[in-house]
């Protein structure tokens, strides 16, 4: 496999990763895992994210399929952790870069303002 072929394959993998991370719940899962520096019981994720067990299962399945997370069964309980801590750090850097962008800050403020008026 040539260097060019290898690069194309790497971009395809990165694109699959980006598609999976294109959901706010999955990003929240990632940030929760990154902030704990260990594993989290799935029951805690359900509580923190305020989603159903079935919904969490779907999200974890997609994240696991692209190698973002690992799951570990301890007795009857499922624990989740980042497959590679560098992924959590990279996503945190992207988030910080986006939040430092004035256009993103404006969009966040407008979104928050719209939500407060609809309630």
C-alpha atoms as a PDB file:
ATOM      1  CA  UNK A   1       0.000   0.000   0.000  1.00  0.00           C
ATOM      2  CA  UNK A   2       1.456   3.320  -1.045  1.00  0.00           C
ATOM      3  CA  UNK A   3       1.646   6.353   1.199  1.00  0.00           C
ATOM      4  CA  UNK A   4      -1.140   7.992  -0.824  1.00  0.00           C
ATOM      5  CA  UNK A   5      -3.403   4.929  -0.402  1.00  0.00           C
ATOM      6  CA  UNK A   6      -2.633   4.870   3.305  1.00  0.00           C
ATOM      7  CA  UNK A   7      -3.543   8.573   3.602  1.00  0.00           C
ATOM      8  CA  UNK A   8      -6.854   8.012   1.803  1.00  0.00           C
ATOM      9  CA  UNK A   9      -7.728   5.152   4.155  1.00  0.00           C
ATOM     10  CA  UNK A  10      -6.788   7.272   7.163  1.00  0.00           C
ATOM     11  CA  UNK A  11      -9.103  10.048   5.930  1.00  0.00           C
ATOM     12  CA  UNK A  12     -11.934   7.540   5.506  1.00  0.00           C
ATOM     13  CA  UNK A  13     -11.468   6.363   9.101  1.00  0.00           C
ATOM     14  CA  UNK A  14     -11.386   9.956  10.308  1.00  0.00           C
ATOM     15  CA  UNK A  15     -14.588  10.720   8.363  1.00  0.00           C
ATOM     16  CA  UNK A  16     -16.388   7.751  10.000  1.00  0.00           C
ATOM     17  CA  UNK A  17     -15.210   9.024  13.377  1.00  0.00           C
ATOM     18  CA  UNK A  18     -16.494  12.533  12.583  1.00  0.00           C
ATOM     19  CA  UNK A  19     -19.919  11.197  11.510  1.00  0.00           C
ATOM     20  CA  UNK A  20     -20.282   9.290  14.769  1.00  0.00           C
ATOM     21  CA  UNK A  21     -19.243  12.345  16.783  1.00  0.00           C
ATOM     22  CA  UNK A  22     -21.857  14.456  14.984  1.00  0.00           C
ATOM     23  CA  UNK A  23     -24.395  13.971  17.765  1.00  0.00           C
ATOM     24  CA  UNK A  24     -24.573  16.134  20.918  1.00  0.00           C
ATOM     25  CA  UNK A  25     -25.231  13.168  23.240  1.00  0.00           C
ATOM     26  CA  UNK A  26     -22.134  11.353  21.970  1.00  0.00           C
ATOM     27  CA  UNK A  27     -20.065  14.483  22.470  1.00  0.00           C
ATOM     28  CA  UNK A  28     -21.384  14.744  26.032  1.00  0.00           C
ATOM     29  CA  UNK A  29     -20.496  11.083  26.636  1.00  0.00           C
ATOM     30  CA  UNK A  30     -17.007  11.780  25.374  1.00  0.00           C
ATOM     31  CA  UNK A  31     -16.567  14.817  27.624  1.00  0.00           C
ATOM     32  CA  UNK A  32     -17.900  12.934  30.665  1.00  0.00           C
ATOM     33  CA  UNK A  33     -15.433  10.120  30.002  1.00  0.00           C
ATOM     34  CA  UNK A  34     -12.578  12.552  29.398  1.00  0.00           C
ATOM     35  CA  UNK A  35     -13.256  14.389  32.646  1.00  0.00           C
ATOM     36  CA  UNK A  36     -13.216  11.243  34.798  1.00  0.00           C
ATOM     37  CA  UNK A  37      -9.903   9.809  33.551  1.00  0.00           C
ATOM     38  CA  UNK A  38     -11.281   6.328  34.102  1.00  0.00           C
ATOM     39  CA  UNK A  39     -14.405   4.356  33.483  1.00  0.00           C
ATOM     40  CA  UNK A  40     -17.988   5.327  34.234  1.00  0.00           C
ATOM     41  CA  UNK A  41     -20.828   2.929  35.013  1.00  0.00           C
ATOM     42  CA  UNK A  42     -23.450   3.065  32.275  1.00  0.00           C
ATOM     43  CA  UNK A  43     -26.118   3.732  34.921  1.00  0.00           C
ATOM     44  CA  UNK A  44     -24.315   6.983  35.792  1.00  0.00           C
ATOM     45  CA  UNK A  45     -24.279   7.988  32.125  1.00  0.00           C
ATOM     46  CA  UNK A  46     -28.033   7.356  31.889  1.00  0.00           C
ATOM     47  CA  UNK A  47     -28.584   9.598  34.907  1.00  0.00           C
ATOM     48  CA  UNK A  48     -26.166  12.343  33.838  1.00  0.00           C
ATOM     49  CA  UNK A  49     -27.438  12.440  30.251  1.00  0.00           C
ATOM     50  CA  UNK A  50     -31.117  11.978  31.165  1.00  0.00           C
ATOM     51  CA  UNK A  51     -31.639   9.395  28.428  1.00  0.00           C
ATOM     52  CA  UNK A  52     -33.054   5.878  28.361  1.00  0.00           C
ATOM     53  CA  UNK A  53     -30.995   2.727  28.634  1.00  0.00           C
ATOM     54  CA  UNK A  54     -31.918   1.847  25.037  1.00  0.00           C
ATOM     55  CA  UNK A  55     -30.796   5.247  23.786  1.00  0.00           C
ATOM     56  CA  UNK A  56     -27.474   4.986  25.639  1.00  0.00           C
ATOM     57  CA  UNK A  57     -26.959   1.506  24.220  1.00  0.00           C
ATOM     58  CA  UNK A  58     -27.397   2.822  20.658  1.00  0.00           C
ATOM     59  CA  UNK A  59     -24.933   5.654  21.219  1.00  0.00           C
ATOM     60  CA  UNK A  60     -22.344   3.402  22.861  1.00  0.00           C
ATOM     61  CA  UNK A  61     -22.664   0.867  20.064  1.00  0.00           C
ATOM     62  CA  UNK A  62     -21.876   3.488  17.421  1.00  0.00           C
ATOM     63  CA  UNK A  63     -18.992   4.898  19.444  1.00  0.00           C
ATOM     64  CA  UNK A  64     -17.545   1.441  20.051  1.00  0.00           C
ATOM     65  CA  UNK A  65     -17.808   0.518  16.357  1.00  0.00           C
ATOM     66  CA  UNK A  66     -15.341   3.275  15.414  1.00  0.00           C
ATOM     67  CA  UNK A  67     -13.012   2.599  18.335  1.00  0.00           C
ATOM     68  CA  UNK A  68     -13.859   5.628  20.488  1.00  0.00           C
ATOM     69  CA  UNK A  69     -14.800   3.724  23.610  1.00  0.00           C
ATOM     70  CA  UNK A  70     -14.352   0.392  25.304  1.00  0.00           C
ATOM     71  CA  UNK A  71     -16.901  -1.313  27.501  1.00  0.00           C
ATOM     72  CA  UNK A  72     -16.179  -3.575  30.419  1.00  0.00           C
ATOM     73  CA  UNK A  73     -18.689  -5.713  32.262  1.00  0.00           C
ATOM     74  CA  UNK A  74     -18.131  -5.814  36.020  1.00  0.00           C
ATOM     75  CA  UNK A  75     -20.638  -8.240  37.458  1.00  0.00           C
ATOM     76  CA  UNK A  76     -24.012  -7.118  36.169  1.00  0.00           C
ATOM     77  CA  UNK A  77     -22.831  -3.608  35.426  1.00  0.00           C
ATOM     78  CA  UNK A  78     -21.455  -2.163  32.219  1.00  0.00           C
ATOM     79  CA  UNK A  79     -18.618   0.329  32.560  1.00  0.00           C
ATOM     80  CA  UNK A  80     -17.468   2.615  29.753  1.00  0.00           C
ATOM     81  CA  UNK A  81     -14.099   4.236  29.124  1.00  0.00           C
ATOM     82  CA  UNK A  82     -12.261   6.022  26.356  1.00  0.00           C
ATOM     83  CA  UNK A  83     -10.348   3.670  24.088  1.00  0.00           C
ATOM     84  CA  UNK A  84      -7.595   6.264  23.858  1.00  0.00           C
ATOM     85  CA  UNK A  85      -7.323   9.279  26.199  1.00  0.00           C
ATOM     86  CA  UNK A  86      -5.843  11.335  23.342  1.00  0.00           C
ATOM     87  CA  UNK A  87      -9.242  11.288  21.609  1.00  0.00           C
ATOM     88  CA  UNK A  88     -10.870  12.950  24.605  1.00  0.00           C
ATOM     89  CA  UNK A  89      -8.143  15.564  24.754  1.00  0.00           C
ATOM     90  CA  UNK A  90      -8.418  16.254  21.006  1.00  0.00           C
ATOM     91  CA  UNK A  91     -12.178  16.767  21.218  1.00  0.00           C
ATOM     92  CA  UNK A  92     -11.704  19.060  24.201  1.00  0.00           C
ATOM     93  CA  UNK A  93      -9.254  21.145  22.161  1.00  0.00           C
ATOM     94  CA  UNK A  94     -11.747  21.370  19.288  1.00  0.00           C
ATOM     95  CA  UNK A  95     -14.479  22.470  21.692  1.00  0.00           C
ATOM     96  CA  UNK A  96     -12.244  25.134  23.244  1.00  0.00           C
ATOM     97  CA  UNK A  97     -11.237  26.413  19.806  1.00  0.00           C
ATOM     98  CA  UNK A  98     -14.871  26.632  18.715  1.00  0.00           C
ATOM     99  CA  UNK A  99     -15.953  28.382  21.896  1.00  0.00           C
ATOM    100  CA  UNK A 100     -13.194  30.960  21.481  1.00  0.00           C
ATOM    101  CA  UNK A 101     -14.600  31.822  18.039  1.00  0.00           C
ATOM    102  CA  UNK A 102     -16.793  34.930  18.278  1.00  0.00           C
ATOM    103  CA  UNK A 103     -19.241  33.606  15.643  1.00  0.00           C
ATOM    104  CA  UNK A 104     -19.841  30.464  17.696  1.00  0.00           C
ATOM    105  CA  UNK A 105     -20.287  32.537  20.857  1.00  0.00           C
ATOM    106  CA  UNK A 106     -22.876  34.697  19.092  1.00  0.00           C
ATOM    107  CA  UNK A 107     -24.751  31.617  17.854  1.00  0.00           C
ATOM    108  CA  UNK A 108     -24.758  30.169  21.386  1.00  0.00           C
ATOM    109  CA  UNK A 109     -26.129  33.386  22.832  1.00  0.00           C
ATOM    110  CA  UNK A 110     -28.836  33.571  20.150  1.00  0.00           C
ATOM    111  CA  UNK A 111     -29.770  29.931  20.737  1.00  0.00           C
ATOM    112  CA  UNK A 112     -29.986  30.471  24.494  1.00  0.00           C
ATOM    113  CA  UNK A 113     -32.039  33.644  23.996  1.00  0.00           C
ATOM    114  CA  UNK A 114     -34.464  31.809  21.672  1.00  0.00           C
ATOM    115  CA  UNK A 115     -34.900  28.982  24.200  1.00  0.00           C
ATOM    116  CA  UNK A 116     -35.682  31.404  27.039  1.00  0.00           C
ATOM    117  CA  UNK A 117     -38.351  33.129  24.933  1.00  0.00           C
ATOM    118  CA  UNK A 118     -40.018  29.843  23.974  1.00  0.00           C
ATOM    119  CA  UNK A 119     -40.466  28.764  27.614  1.00  0.00           C
END
